Protein backbone atom coordinates (compact mmCIF):
# COMPACT_ATOMS: atom_id res chain seq x y z
CA MET A 1 61.34 101.70 161.50
CA PRO A 2 64.54 103.76 161.86
CA PRO A 3 67.86 101.93 162.50
CA GLY A 4 68.96 101.41 166.03
CA PRO A 5 72.20 102.36 167.80
CA LEU A 6 75.72 101.82 166.49
CA PRO A 7 77.24 98.51 167.59
CA PRO A 8 79.49 98.85 170.60
CA HIS A 9 83.15 98.94 169.50
CA ARG A 10 86.62 99.90 170.64
CA LEU A 11 89.99 100.22 169.03
CA LEU A 12 92.70 98.89 171.34
CA THR A 13 96.07 100.53 170.42
CA ASP A 14 99.57 99.19 170.82
CA PHE A 15 98.05 95.69 170.96
CA LEU A 16 101.27 93.71 170.37
CA PRO A 17 104.73 94.45 171.65
CA ALA A 18 106.95 95.93 168.93
CA GLY A 19 108.92 92.69 168.56
CA ASP A 20 105.80 90.50 168.17
CA HIS A 21 104.27 93.00 165.70
CA ARG A 22 107.47 92.73 163.58
CA ARG A 23 107.55 89.00 163.85
CA LEU A 24 103.99 88.68 162.64
CA LEU A 25 104.67 91.00 159.70
CA ASP A 26 107.86 89.08 158.72
CA TRP A 27 105.91 85.82 158.97
CA THR A 28 103.07 87.14 156.84
CA LEU A 29 105.40 88.35 154.07
CA ALA A 30 107.11 84.91 154.07
CA ALA A 31 103.74 83.15 153.87
CA ARG A 32 102.70 84.97 150.71
CA ASP A 33 102.54 81.87 148.48
CA ARG A 34 100.25 80.13 150.99
CA LEU A 35 97.47 82.65 150.84
CA ARG A 36 94.46 81.86 148.66
CA PRO A 37 91.51 83.94 147.34
CA SER A 38 88.99 84.57 150.14
CA LYS A 39 85.75 82.66 149.97
CA LEU A 40 82.22 83.39 151.12
CA VAL A 41 80.16 80.91 153.14
CA GLY A 42 79.76 77.74 151.02
CA GLY A 43 83.23 77.98 149.53
CA ILE A 44 82.20 80.52 146.92
CA VAL A 45 84.59 83.11 145.42
CA ASP A 46 82.60 86.19 144.34
CA GLU A 47 84.69 89.25 143.64
CA GLU A 48 81.55 91.47 143.48
CA LEU A 49 81.20 90.82 147.24
CA ARG A 50 84.74 90.11 148.47
CA ILE A 51 88.25 90.51 147.17
CA SER A 52 91.18 89.62 149.42
CA SER A 53 93.44 86.57 150.03
CA ASN A 54 93.56 84.69 153.27
CA LEU A 55 95.16 81.97 155.29
CA ARG A 56 93.48 80.05 158.13
CA ASP A 57 96.51 78.22 159.52
CA LEU A 58 98.65 80.71 161.47
CA ALA A 59 100.99 78.05 162.81
CA GLU A 60 103.34 79.52 165.40
CA MET A 61 101.56 82.88 165.26
CA GLN A 62 98.41 81.43 166.75
CA PRO A 63 99.66 81.19 170.36
CA LEU A 64 101.20 84.67 170.12
CA LEU A 65 97.84 86.16 169.27
CA GLU A 66 95.92 84.03 171.69
CA THR A 67 98.13 85.23 174.53
CA ALA A 68 97.68 88.80 173.57
CA ILE A 69 93.90 88.31 173.46
CA ALA A 70 93.85 86.58 176.87
CA ASN A 71 95.85 89.50 178.45
CA ARG A 72 93.17 92.04 177.37
CA LEU A 73 89.95 89.98 177.59
CA GLY A 74 88.40 92.54 179.98
CA GLU A 75 88.93 95.41 177.55
CA ILE A 76 87.75 93.31 174.66
CA PHE A 77 84.48 92.25 176.27
CA GLY A 78 83.83 95.83 177.56
CA GLY A 79 84.59 97.34 174.16
CA ALA A 80 82.28 94.89 172.36
CA GLY A 81 79.50 95.29 174.90
CA VAL A 82 79.52 91.57 175.63
CA ARG A 83 79.14 89.85 178.95
CA PRO A 84 82.47 88.15 179.85
CA PHE A 85 82.80 84.45 179.12
CA THR A 86 85.55 81.86 178.68
CA PRO A 87 86.02 81.37 174.95
CA ASP A 88 85.92 77.71 173.84
CA VAL A 89 87.32 78.60 170.47
CA VAL A 90 89.65 81.31 169.33
CA GLU A 91 89.21 81.31 165.55
CA THR A 92 91.80 83.17 163.33
CA GLU A 93 92.20 84.14 159.72
CA LEU A 94 95.01 86.15 158.15
CA ALA A 95 93.75 88.47 155.46
CA ALA A 96 95.68 90.54 152.89
CA HIS A 97 93.89 93.34 151.16
CA GLY A 98 95.68 94.48 148.04
CA ASP A 99 94.63 97.00 145.36
CA GLY A 100 90.84 96.94 144.84
CA ALA A 101 90.22 94.62 147.79
CA HIS A 102 86.93 94.98 149.70
CA PHE A 103 84.21 93.07 151.52
CA ALA A 104 80.51 93.93 151.09
CA PRO A 105 78.25 94.35 154.18
CA HIS A 106 78.03 91.06 155.97
CA LEU A 107 77.64 89.35 159.41
CA ASP A 108 80.19 87.10 161.03
CA VAL A 109 77.43 84.76 162.26
CA ALA A 110 74.59 82.86 160.66
CA TYR A 111 71.16 81.93 162.07
CA GLY A 112 69.12 78.81 162.35
CA ALA A 113 70.24 75.17 162.62
CA ASP A 114 73.43 75.84 160.67
CA ARG A 115 74.47 78.92 162.54
CA GLY A 116 77.54 77.36 164.10
CA LEU A 117 79.01 76.15 160.78
CA VAL A 118 80.35 79.60 159.81
CA GLY A 119 84.01 78.86 160.44
CA GLY A 120 83.30 75.53 162.04
CA ASP A 121 81.92 72.05 161.03
CA ARG A 122 79.32 69.57 162.21
CA THR A 123 81.59 68.13 164.87
CA GLY A 124 82.95 71.45 166.21
CA ALA A 125 80.10 73.84 165.61
CA HIS A 126 80.44 77.11 167.57
CA ASP A 127 78.74 80.49 168.02
CA ARG A 128 80.93 83.47 167.26
CA VAL A 129 80.29 86.05 170.00
CA VAL A 130 83.03 88.72 169.60
CA SER A 131 84.72 89.77 166.40
CA CYS A 132 88.20 91.22 166.51
CA VAL A 133 90.39 92.65 163.77
CA TYR A 134 94.07 93.15 164.35
CA TYR A 135 95.66 95.58 161.88
CA PHE A 136 99.31 95.72 160.80
CA HIS A 137 101.24 96.83 157.78
CA ALA A 138 104.72 97.74 156.55
CA GLU A 139 106.18 101.14 157.13
CA PRO A 140 105.90 103.55 155.54
CA LYS A 141 102.24 102.83 154.84
CA ARG A 142 101.52 102.58 151.17
CA PHE A 143 97.84 101.95 150.97
CA THR A 144 94.74 104.02 151.51
CA GLY A 145 91.12 103.08 152.41
CA GLY A 146 90.28 99.77 153.93
CA GLU A 147 88.22 101.31 156.80
CA LEU A 148 85.92 98.88 158.60
CA ARG A 149 82.43 100.34 158.34
CA LEU A 150 80.10 99.35 161.18
CA HIS A 151 76.37 99.79 160.42
CA ARG A 152 73.70 100.64 162.93
CA PHE A 153 71.69 97.70 164.21
CA GLY A 154 68.65 97.34 162.00
CA SER A 155 70.39 99.07 159.10
CA GLN A 156 70.30 97.49 155.62
CA GLY A 157 73.91 98.54 155.00
CA ARG A 158 73.10 100.95 152.18
CA GLY A 159 75.34 103.70 153.59
CA GLU A 160 72.75 106.34 154.35
CA GLU A 161 74.18 109.37 156.11
CA GLY A 162 74.34 108.77 159.86
CA SER A 163 73.72 105.04 159.59
CA TYR A 164 77.36 103.92 160.11
CA VAL A 165 80.78 104.69 161.52
CA ASP A 166 84.08 104.10 159.71
CA VAL A 167 87.04 102.86 161.76
CA PRO A 168 90.49 103.25 160.13
CA PRO A 169 92.96 100.26 159.95
CA LEU A 170 95.39 101.77 162.54
CA GLN A 171 98.80 100.19 162.81
CA ASN A 172 99.14 97.63 165.65
CA ALA A 173 95.59 98.11 166.86
CA LEU A 174 92.77 95.71 167.60
CA LEU A 175 89.24 96.60 166.77
CA VAL A 176 86.54 94.70 168.70
CA PHE A 177 82.73 94.56 168.20
CA PRO A 178 79.92 92.08 168.57
CA ALA A 179 79.85 89.36 165.93
CA ILE A 180 76.13 90.04 165.20
CA ALA A 181 77.02 93.52 163.93
CA LEU A 182 76.66 94.26 160.18
CA HIS A 183 79.97 95.50 158.83
CA GLU A 184 82.09 95.81 155.66
CA VAL A 185 85.64 96.56 154.50
CA ARG A 186 85.77 99.64 152.32
CA ARG A 187 87.73 99.46 149.12
CA VAL A 188 91.55 99.49 149.43
CA SER A 189 93.93 101.26 147.13
CA VAL A 190 97.53 100.06 146.78
CA PRO A 191 99.13 102.08 143.90
CA SER A 192 102.31 99.91 143.90
CA ARG A 193 100.25 96.69 143.72
CA ARG A 194 102.96 94.99 145.71
CA PHE A 195 101.94 92.39 148.26
CA GLU A 196 104.22 93.82 150.94
CA ASP A 197 102.31 97.19 150.71
CA SER A 198 98.89 95.52 151.41
CA ARG A 199 96.50 96.20 154.22
CA PHE A 200 97.11 93.19 156.46
CA ALA A 201 94.73 91.99 159.17
CA VAL A 202 94.12 88.98 161.39
CA ASN A 203 90.40 88.37 161.89
CA ILE A 204 89.83 86.78 165.32
CA TRP A 205 86.55 85.42 166.65
CA LEU A 206 85.85 84.49 170.25
CA ALA A 207 83.26 81.68 170.26
CA ARG A 208 81.31 79.25 172.36
CA LEU A 209 80.84 75.61 171.46
CA ILE A 210 77.28 74.61 170.66
CA GLY A 211 75.83 71.67 172.47
């Protein structure tokens, strides 16, 4: 059976005011020593599948991002092709992609009895509905690559011609798409290998509580 349509998606430009964008970048650079190697579901580090570093606790940056999300919920739901709802959980993760970083094709949700444990736990299990990726980086830009590749529904993620779309990590933009969409982060090149030249992103999931 041939793959289905591309997932609905939209890139919302100028997502944060200039001052908030700068504040988030400065905070990220100062938080360098708090980032840890990114893990897969189950707490596994597998560099064949994912290379990056991340931080789940965004401290004072969390309300800043939640306010920006709330102000553009209509555009977010419309862009992701999702019926509007009131998110019970706004889950965030700061990710830094340095030289050689990537993330193989994956979903932001799981299925079955443990579906809500991706990003949650037994007491706060939730279903991710919308995936958002906020992009930011230092200027001038000193990395290449890092496109987010969205695969057609029903695709196996092998990269056949016409089976995907690549969305570039545009400065101060928020990419939105349904959490059930298969996607990947293409390999990043940072010739300087300096942290401050990385491709930075905040992954944000809008979710409903289960039960």
